[in-house]
Amino acid sequence: MTRGTLYDGSRLHPRHVRDRQFATVGFGRRGLNPAEVRRFLHRVALDLTALHHDLAQLCAENARMKRALRARQSAWSERRRP
């Protein structure tokens, strides 16, 4: 990722965090540009929110599929009994 790249809508990957470089502030000040750091942290927060939402949906879908499988297996075993 290059310096100064703003959020482009793509998912944030670990390499983006690892390779991220922030611009230093102007002459007479030391450190990183606070606005740039805040924008990046906001992007990390947005992606983490999306990931948590996706994970919750996948867990719910997994539980639904397990219930359906158990119900089908129970129905199948009931039919096989004489």
PDB file of N, CA and C in Angstrom:
ATOM      1  N   MET A   1       0.843  -1.170   0.000  1.00  0.00           N
ATOM      2  CA  MET A   1       0.000   0.000   0.000  1.00  0.00           C
ATOM      3  C   MET A   1       0.886   1.231   0.000  1.00  0.00           C
ATOM      4  N   THR A   2       0.524   2.172  -0.771  1.00  0.00           N
ATOM      5  CA  THR A   2       1.343   3.377  -0.865  1.00  0.00           C
ATOM      6  C   THR A   2       0.902   4.397   0.172  1.00  0.00           C
ATOM      7  N   ARG A   3       1.766   5.333   0.412  1.00  0.00           N
ATOM      8  CA  ARG A   3       1.441   6.385   1.369  1.00  0.00           C
ATOM      9  C   ARG A   3       0.285   7.225   0.843  1.00  0.00           C
ATOM     10  N   GLY A   4      -0.609   7.587   1.759  1.00  0.00           N
ATOM     11  CA  GLY A   4      -1.695   8.480   1.389  1.00  0.00           C
ATOM     12  C   GLY A   4      -2.869   7.809   0.701  1.00  0.00           C
ATOM     13  N   THR A   5      -2.871   6.495   0.538  1.00  0.00           N
ATOM     14  CA  THR A   5      -3.984   5.812  -0.104  1.00  0.00           C
ATOM     15  C   THR A   5      -5.191   5.831   0.819  1.00  0.00           C
ATOM     16  N   LEU A   6      -6.319   6.292   0.316  1.00  0.00           N
ATOM     17  CA  LEU A   6      -7.541   6.326   1.099  1.00  0.00           C
ATOM     18  C   LEU A   6      -8.329   5.056   0.883  1.00  0.00           C
ATOM     19  N   TYR A   7      -9.398   4.918   1.628  1.00  0.00           N
ATOM     20  CA  TYR A   7     -10.254   3.743   1.527  1.00  0.00           C
ATOM     21  C   TYR A   7     -10.830   3.633   0.122  1.00  0.00           C
ATOM     22  N   ASP A   8     -10.644   2.487  -0.497  1.00  0.00           N
ATOM     23  CA  ASP A   8     -11.111   2.302  -1.869  1.00  0.00           C
ATOM     24  C   ASP A   8     -12.256   1.299  -1.964  1.00  0.00           C
ATOM     25  N   GLY A   9     -12.814   0.868  -0.826  1.00  0.00           N
ATOM     26  CA  GLY A   9     -13.938  -0.055  -0.834  1.00  0.00           C
ATOM     27  C   GLY A   9     -13.550  -1.517  -0.771  1.00  0.00           C
ATOM     28  N   SER A  10     -12.271  -1.833  -0.954  1.00  0.00           N
ATOM     29  CA  SER A  10     -11.862  -3.232  -0.878  1.00  0.00           C
ATOM     30  C   SER A  10     -11.638  -3.630   0.572  1.00  0.00           C
ATOM     31  N   ARG A  11     -11.730  -4.928   0.830  1.00  0.00           N
ATOM     32  CA  ARG A  11     -11.532  -5.434   2.179  1.00  0.00           C
ATOM     33  C   ARG A  11     -10.109  -5.212   2.643  1.00  0.00           C
ATOM     34  N   LEU A  12      -9.980  -4.924   3.910  1.00  0.00           N
ATOM     35  CA  LEU A  12      -8.680  -4.707   4.524  1.00  0.00           C
ATOM     36  C   LEU A  12      -8.052  -6.061   4.825  1.00  0.00           C
ATOM     37  N   HIS A  13      -6.818  -6.249   4.427  1.00  0.00           N
ATOM     38  CA  HIS A  13      -6.087  -7.494   4.667  1.00  0.00           C
ATOM     39  C   HIS A  13      -4.963  -7.222   5.656  1.00  0.00           C
ATOM     40  N   PRO A  14      -4.497  -8.270   6.341  1.00  0.00           N
ATOM     41  CA  PRO A  14      -3.404  -8.072   7.292  1.00  0.00           C
ATOM     42  C   PRO A  14      -2.195  -7.366   6.684  1.00  0.00           C
ATOM     43  N   ARG A  15      -1.912  -7.637   5.431  1.00  0.00           N
ATOM     44  CA  ARG A  15      -0.752  -6.994   4.809  1.00  0.00           C
ATOM     45  C   ARG A  15      -0.943  -5.483   4.707  1.00  0.00           C
ATOM     46  N   HIS A  16      -2.195  -5.034   4.568  1.00  0.00           N
ATOM     47  CA  HIS A  16      -2.455  -3.599   4.541  1.00  0.00           C
ATOM     48  C   HIS A  16      -2.074  -2.953   5.870  1.00  0.00           C
ATOM     49  N   VAL A  17      -2.410  -3.623   6.944  1.00  0.00           N
ATOM     50  CA  VAL A  17      -2.077  -3.094   8.269  1.00  0.00           C
ATOM     51  C   VAL A  17      -0.572  -3.146   8.485  1.00  0.00           C
ATOM     52  N   ARG A  18       0.017  -4.290   8.140  1.00  0.00           N
ATOM     53  CA  ARG A  18       1.454  -4.487   8.342  1.00  0.00           C
ATOM     54  C   ARG A  18       2.286  -3.505   7.528  1.00  0.00           C
ATOM     55  N   ASP A  19       1.883  -3.239   6.293  1.00  0.00           N
ATOM     56  CA  ASP A  19       2.688  -2.428   5.380  1.00  0.00           C
ATOM     57  C   ASP A  19       2.300  -0.947   5.377  1.00  0.00           C
ATOM     58  N   ARG A  20       1.292  -0.563   6.144  1.00  0.00           N
ATOM     59  CA  ARG A  20       0.807   0.812   6.121  1.00  0.00           C
ATOM     60  C   ARG A  20       1.867   1.775   6.633  1.00  0.00           C
ATOM     61  N   GLN A  21       2.062   2.842   5.902  1.00  0.00           N
ATOM     62  CA  GLN A  21       2.988   3.894   6.318  1.00  0.00           C
ATOM     63  C   GLN A  21       2.211   5.204   6.374  1.00  0.00           C
ATOM     64  N   PHE A  22       2.414   5.946   7.436  1.00  0.00           N
ATOM     65  CA  PHE A  22       1.733   7.217   7.610  1.00  0.00           C
ATOM     66  C   PHE A  22       2.713   8.349   7.329  1.00  0.00           C
ATOM     67  N   ALA A  23       2.182   9.413   6.759  1.00  0.00           N
ATOM     68  CA  ALA A  23       3.007  10.592   6.482  1.00  0.00           C
ATOM     69  C   ALA A  23       3.371  11.283   7.796  1.00  0.00           C
ATOM     70  N   THR A  24       4.565  11.817   7.848  1.00  0.00           N
ATOM     71  CA  THR A  24       4.953  12.602   9.019  1.00  0.00           C
ATOM     72  C   THR A  24       4.386  13.995   8.883  1.00  0.00           C
ATOM     73  N   VAL A  25       4.196  14.632  10.024  1.00  0.00           N
ATOM     74  CA  VAL A  25       3.634  15.983   9.997  1.00  0.00           C
ATOM     75  C   VAL A  25       4.689  16.975   9.535  1.00  0.00           C
ATOM     76  N   GLY A  26       4.241  18.174   9.257  1.00  0.00           N
ATOM     77  CA  GLY A  26       5.114  19.207   8.689  1.00  0.00           C
ATOM     78  C   GLY A  26       6.265  19.636   9.579  1.00  0.00           C
ATOM     79  N   PHE A  27       7.065  20.526   9.038  1.00  0.00           N
ATOM     80  CA  PHE A  27       8.256  21.044   9.691  1.00  0.00           C
ATOM     81  C   PHE A  27       7.907  21.637  11.059  1.00  0.00           C
ATOM     82  N   GLY A  28       8.735  21.352  12.046  1.00  0.00           N
ATOM     83  CA  GLY A  28       8.522  21.897  13.376  1.00  0.00           C
ATOM     84  C   GLY A  28       7.710  21.001  14.287  1.00  0.00           C
ATOM     85  N   ARG A  29       7.122  19.951  13.729  1.00  0.00           N
ATOM     86  CA  ARG A  29       6.350  19.005  14.532  1.00  0.00           C
ATOM     87  C   ARG A  29       6.935  17.623  14.330  1.00  0.00           C
ATOM     88  N   ARG A  30       6.736  16.791  15.309  1.00  0.00           N
ATOM     89  CA  ARG A  30       7.232  15.425  15.205  1.00  0.00           C
ATOM     90  C   ARG A  30       6.051  14.459  15.234  1.00  0.00           C
ATOM     91  N   GLY A  31       6.238  13.307  14.654  1.00  0.00           N
ATOM     92  CA  GLY A  31       5.206  12.278  14.710  1.00  0.00           C
ATOM     93  C   GLY A  31       4.462  12.109  13.399  1.00  0.00           C
ATOM     94  N   LEU A  32       3.326  11.452  13.512  1.00  0.00           N
ATOM     95  CA  LEU A  32       2.504  11.126  12.344  1.00  0.00           C
ATOM     96  C   LEU A  32       1.370  12.126  12.216  1.00  0.00           C
ATOM     97  N   ASN A  33       0.815  12.188  11.033  1.00  0.00           N
ATOM     98  CA  ASN A  33      -0.321  13.058  10.764  1.00  0.00           C
ATOM     99  C   ASN A  33      -1.548  12.472  11.473  1.00  0.00           C
ATOM    100  N   PRO A  34      -2.077  13.131  12.498  1.00  0.00           N
ATOM    101  CA  PRO A  34      -3.199  12.591  13.263  1.00  0.00           C
ATOM    102  C   PRO A  34      -4.444  12.310  12.416  1.00  0.00           C
ATOM    103  N   ALA A  35      -4.735  13.157  11.457  1.00  0.00           N
ATOM    104  CA  ALA A  35      -5.921  12.940  10.614  1.00  0.00           C
ATOM    105  C   ALA A  35      -5.770  11.672   9.787  1.00  0.00           C
ATOM    106  N   GLU A  36      -4.580  11.422   9.265  1.00  0.00           N
ATOM    107  CA  GLU A  36      -4.342  10.220   8.466  1.00  0.00           C
ATOM    108  C   GLU A  36      -4.460   8.971   9.328  1.00  0.00           C
ATOM    109  N   VAL A  37      -3.934   9.022  10.527  1.00  0.00           N
ATOM    110  CA  VAL A  37      -4.030   7.876  11.442  1.00  0.00           C
ATOM    111  C   VAL A  37      -5.492   7.615  11.786  1.00  0.00           C
ATOM    112  N   ARG A  38      -6.265   8.669  12.078  1.00  0.00           N
ATOM    113  CA  ARG A  38      -7.678   8.489  12.401  1.00  0.00           C
ATOM    114  C   ARG A  38      -8.447   7.877  11.233  1.00  0.00           C
ATOM    115  N   ARG A  39      -8.178   8.337  10.014  1.00  0.00           N
ATOM    116  CA  ARG A  39      -8.854   7.763   8.834  1.00  0.00           C
ATOM    117  C   ARG A  39      -8.547   6.278   8.705  1.00  0.00           C
ATOM    118  N   PHE A  40      -7.282   5.924   8.900  1.00  0.00           N
ATOM    119  CA  PHE A  40      -6.914   4.514   8.778  1.00  0.00           C
ATOM    120  C   PHE A  40      -7.575   3.687   9.883  1.00  0.00           C
ATOM    121  N   LEU A  41      -7.574   4.176  11.095  1.00  0.00           N
ATOM    122  CA  LEU A  41      -8.208   3.447  12.195  1.00  0.00           C
ATOM    123  C   LEU A  41      -9.703   3.304  11.957  1.00  0.00           C
ATOM    124  N   HIS A  42     -10.322   4.328  11.377  1.00  0.00           N
ATOM    125  CA  HIS A  42     -11.742   4.238  11.041  1.00  0.00           C
ATOM    126  C   HIS A  42     -11.971   3.126  10.007  1.00  0.00           C
ATOM    127  N   ARG A  43     -11.096   3.022   9.038  1.00  0.00           N
ATOM    128  CA  ARG A  43     -11.210   1.970   8.021  1.00  0.00           C
ATOM    129  C   ARG A  43     -11.056   0.591   8.654  1.00  0.00           C
ATOM    130  N   VAL A  44     -10.096   0.445   9.559  1.00  0.00           N
ATOM    131  CA  VAL A  44      -9.915  -0.834  10.260  1.00  0.00           C
ATOM    132  C   VAL A  44     -11.189  -1.179  11.026  1.00  0.00           C
ATOM    133  N   ALA A  45     -11.756  -0.193  11.704  1.00  0.00           N
ATOM    134  CA  ALA A  45     -12.977  -0.423  12.471  1.00  0.00           C
ATOM    135  C   ALA A  45     -14.134  -0.837  11.563  1.00  0.00           C
ATOM    136  N   LEU A  46     -14.271  -0.192  10.401  1.00  0.00           N
ATOM    137  CA  LEU A  46     -15.339  -0.551   9.466  1.00  0.00           C
ATOM    138  C   LEU A  46     -15.180  -1.993   8.975  1.00  0.00           C
ATOM    139  N   ASP A  47     -13.963  -2.373   8.615  1.00  0.00           N
ATOM    140  CA  ASP A  47     -13.741  -3.727   8.132  1.00  0.00           C
ATOM    141  C   ASP A  47     -13.961  -4.763   9.237  1.00  0.00           C
ATOM    142  N   LEU A  48     -13.546  -4.450  10.442  1.00  0.00           N
ATOM    143  CA  LEU A  48     -13.773  -5.379  11.549  1.00  0.00           C
ATOM    144  C   LEU A  48     -15.261  -5.528  11.841  1.00  0.00           C
ATOM    145  N   THR A  49     -15.993  -4.428  11.737  1.00  0.00           N
ATOM    146  CA  THR A  49     -17.444  -4.496  11.917  1.00  0.00           C
ATOM    147  C   THR A  49     -18.062  -5.412  10.873  1.00  0.00           C
ATOM    148  N   ALA A  50     -17.653  -5.252   9.624  1.00  0.00           N
ATOM    149  CA  ALA A  50     -18.173  -6.103   8.545  1.00  0.00           C
ATOM    150  C   ALA A  50     -17.804  -7.562   8.774  1.00  0.00           C
ATOM    151  N   LEU A  51     -16.591  -7.816   9.215  1.00  0.00           N
ATOM    152  CA  LEU A  51     -16.164  -9.194   9.464  1.00  0.00           C
ATOM    153  C   LEU A  51     -16.956  -9.829  10.603  1.00  0.00           C
ATOM    154  N   HIS A  52     -17.195  -9.065  11.660  1.00  0.00           N
ATOM    155  CA  HIS A  52     -17.993  -9.586  12.766  1.00  0.00           C
ATOM    156  C   HIS A  52     -19.423  -9.878  12.323  1.00  0.00           C
ATOM    157  N   HIS A  53     -19.977  -9.013  11.496  1.00  0.00           N
ATOM    158  CA  HIS A  53     -21.323  -9.236  10.973  1.00  0.00           C
ATOM    159  C   HIS A  53     -21.357 -10.495  10.100  1.00  0.00           C
ATOM    160  N   ASP A  54     -20.383 -10.634   9.219  1.00  0.00           N
ATOM    161  CA  ASP A  54     -20.311 -11.825   8.360  1.00  0.00           C
ATOM    162  C   ASP A  54     -20.157 -13.091   9.189  1.00  0.00           C
ATOM    163  N   LEU A  55     -19.325 -13.038  10.219  1.00  0.00           N
ATOM    164  CA  LEU A  55     -19.118 -14.203  11.079  1.00  0.00           C
ATOM    165  C   LEU A  55     -20.411 -14.585  11.789  1.00  0.00           C
ATOM    166  N   ALA A  56     -21.153 -13.598  12.289  1.00  0.00           N
ATOM    167  CA  ALA A  56     -22.417 -13.882  12.958  1.00  0.00           C
ATOM    168  C   ALA A  56     -23.409 -14.534  11.995  1.00  0.00           C
ATOM    169  N   GLN A  57     -23.470 -14.036  10.764  1.00  0.00           N
ATOM    170  CA  GLN A  57     -24.362 -14.629   9.759  1.00  0.00           C
ATOM    171  C   GLN A  57     -23.952 -16.070   9.439  1.00  0.00           C
ATOM    172  N   LEU A  58     -22.661 -16.307   9.309  1.00  0.00           N
ATOM    173  CA  LEU A  58     -22.187 -17.659   9.007  1.00  0.00           C
ATOM    174  C   LEU A  58     -22.465 -18.623  10.157  1.00  0.00           C
ATOM    175  N   CYS A  59     -22.305 -18.154  11.385  1.00  0.00           N
ATOM    176  CA  CYS A  59     -22.603 -19.004  12.546  1.00  0.00           C
ATOM    177  C   CYS A  59     -24.093 -19.353  12.589  1.00  0.00           C
ATOM    178  N   ALA A  60     -24.950 -18.381  12.302  1.00  0.00           N
ATOM    179  CA  ALA A  60     -26.389 -18.628  12.275  1.00  0.00           C
ATOM    180  C   ALA A  60     -26.751 -19.611  11.161  1.00  0.00           C
ATOM    181  N   GLU A  61     -26.157 -19.442  10.005  1.00  0.00           N
ATOM    182  CA  GLU A  61     -26.413 -20.357   8.885  1.00  0.00           C
ATOM    183  C   GLU A  61     -25.915 -21.763   9.218  1.00  0.00           C
ATOM    184  N   ASN A  62     -24.769 -21.866   9.852  1.00  0.00           N
ATOM    185  CA  ASN A  62     -24.226 -23.159  10.251  1.00  0.00           C
ATOM    186  C   ASN A  62     -25.164 -23.851  11.235  1.00  0.00           C
ATOM    187  N   ALA A  63     -25.677 -23.123  12.214  1.00  0.00           N
ATOM    188  CA  ALA A  63     -26.605 -23.698  13.193  1.00  0.00           C
ATOM    189  C   ALA A  63     -27.890 -24.149  12.501  1.00  0.00           C
ATOM    190  N   ARG A  64     -28.405 -23.333  11.560  1.00  0.00           N
ATOM    191  CA  ARG A  64     -29.617 -23.707  10.824  1.00  0.00           C
ATOM    192  C   ARG A  64     -29.405 -24.990  10.032  1.00  0.00           C
ATOM    193  N   MET A  65     -28.258 -25.117   9.384  1.00  0.00           N
ATOM    194  CA  MET A  65     -27.973 -26.311   8.587  1.00  0.00           C
ATOM    195  C   MET A  65     -27.812 -27.547   9.479  1.00  0.00           C
ATOM    196  N   LYS A  66     -27.201 -27.382  10.641  1.00  0.00           N
ATOM    197  CA  LYS A  66     -27.073 -28.507  11.572  1.00  0.00           C
ATOM    198  C   LYS A  66     -28.448 -28.980  12.055  1.00  0.00           C
ATOM    199  N   ARG A  67     -29.340 -28.029  12.373  1.00  0.00           N
ATOM    200  CA  ARG A  67     -30.696 -28.408  12.793  1.00  0.00           C
ATOM    201  C   ARG A  67     -31.424 -29.139  11.676  1.00  0.00           C
ATOM    202  N   ALA A  68     -31.293 -28.654  10.457  1.00  0.00           N
ATOM    203  CA  ALA A  68     -31.952 -29.296   9.318  1.00  0.00           C
ATOM    204  C   ALA A  68     -31.402 -30.702   9.100  1.00  0.00           C
ATOM    205  N   LEU A  69     -30.109 -30.870   9.235  1.00  0.00           N
ATOM    206  CA  LEU A  69     -29.499 -32.187   9.064  1.00  0.00           C
ATOM    207  C   LEU A  69     -29.987 -33.147  10.139  1.00  0.00           C
ATOM    208  N   ARG A  70     -30.017 -32.688  11.390  1.00  0.00           N
ATOM    209  CA  ARG A  70     -30.511 -33.561  12.472  1.00  0.00           C
ATOM    210  C   ARG A  70     -31.968 -33.953  12.244  1.00  0.00           C
ATOM    211  N   ALA A  71     -32.781 -33.013  11.809  1.00  0.00           N
ATOM    212  CA  ALA A  71     -34.190 -33.305  11.547  1.00  0.00           C
ATOM    213  C   ALA A  71     -34.324 -34.323  10.425  1.00  0.00           C
ATOM    214  N   ARG A  72     -33.522 -34.168   9.389  1.00  0.00           N
ATOM    215  CA  ARG A  72     -33.587 -35.116   8.269  1.00  0.00           C
ATOM    216  C   ARG A  72     -33.121 -36.499   8.705  1.00  0.00           C
ATOM    217  N   GLN A  73     -32.055 -36.543   9.501  1.00  0.00           N
ATOM    218  CA  GLN A  73     -31.559 -37.834   9.982  1.00  0.00           C
ATOM    219  C   GLN A  73     -32.592 -38.508  10.880  1.00  0.00           C
ATOM    220  N   SER A  74     -33.274 -37.728  11.725  1.00  0.00           N
ATOM    221  CA  SER A  74     -34.308 -38.294  12.595  1.00  0.00           C
ATOM    222  C   SER A  74     -35.467 -38.829  11.759  1.00  0.00           C
ATOM    223  N   ALA A  75     -35.890 -38.072  10.771  1.00  0.00           N
ATOM    224  CA  ALA A  75     -36.985 -38.513   9.906  1.00  0.00           C
ATOM    225  C   ALA A  75     -36.595 -39.782   9.162  1.00  0.00           C
ATOM    226  N   TRP A  76     -35.367 -39.842   8.710  1.00  0.00           N
ATOM    227  CA  TRP A  76     -34.896 -41.022   7.984  1.00  0.00           C
ATOM    228  C   TRP A  76     -34.875 -42.251   8.898  1.00  0.00           C
ATOM    229  N   SER A  77     -34.386 -42.098  10.112  1.00  0.00           N
ATOM    230  CA  SER A  77     -34.318 -43.248  11.021  1.00  0.00           C
ATOM    231  C   SER A  77     -35.715 -43.680  11.449  1.00  0.00           C
ATOM    232  N   GLU A  78     -36.674 -42.749  11.564  1.00  0.00           N
ATOM    233  CA  GLU A  78     -38.064 -43.104  11.895  1.00  0.00           C
ATOM    234  C   GLU A  78     -38.689 -43.926  10.765  1.00  0.00           C
ATOM    235  N   ARG A  79     -38.395 -43.595   9.531  1.00  0.00           N
ATOM    236  CA  ARG A  79     -38.951 -44.326   8.384  1.00  0.00           C
ATOM    237  C   ARG A  79     -38.379 -45.716   8.267  1.00  0.00           C
ATOM    238  N   ARG A  80     -37.152 -45.919   8.708  1.00  0.00           N
ATOM    239  CA  ARG A  80     -36.489 -47.209   8.568  1.00  0.00           C
ATOM    240  C   ARG A  80     -36.936 -48.202   9.631  1.00  0.00           C
ATOM    241  N   ARG A  81     -37.528 -47.719  10.713  1.00  0.00           N
ATOM    242  CA  ARG A  81     -37.991 -48.635  11.768  1.00  0.00           C
ATOM    243  C   ARG A  81     -39.209 -49.411  11.295  1.00  0.00           C
ATOM    244  N   PRO A  82     -39.237 -50.712  11.619  1.00  0.00           N
ATOM    245  CA  PRO A  82     -40.402 -51.546  11.185  1.00  0.00           C
ATOM    246  C   PRO A  82     -41.644 -51.290  11.994  1.00  0.00           C
TER     247      PRO A  82
END
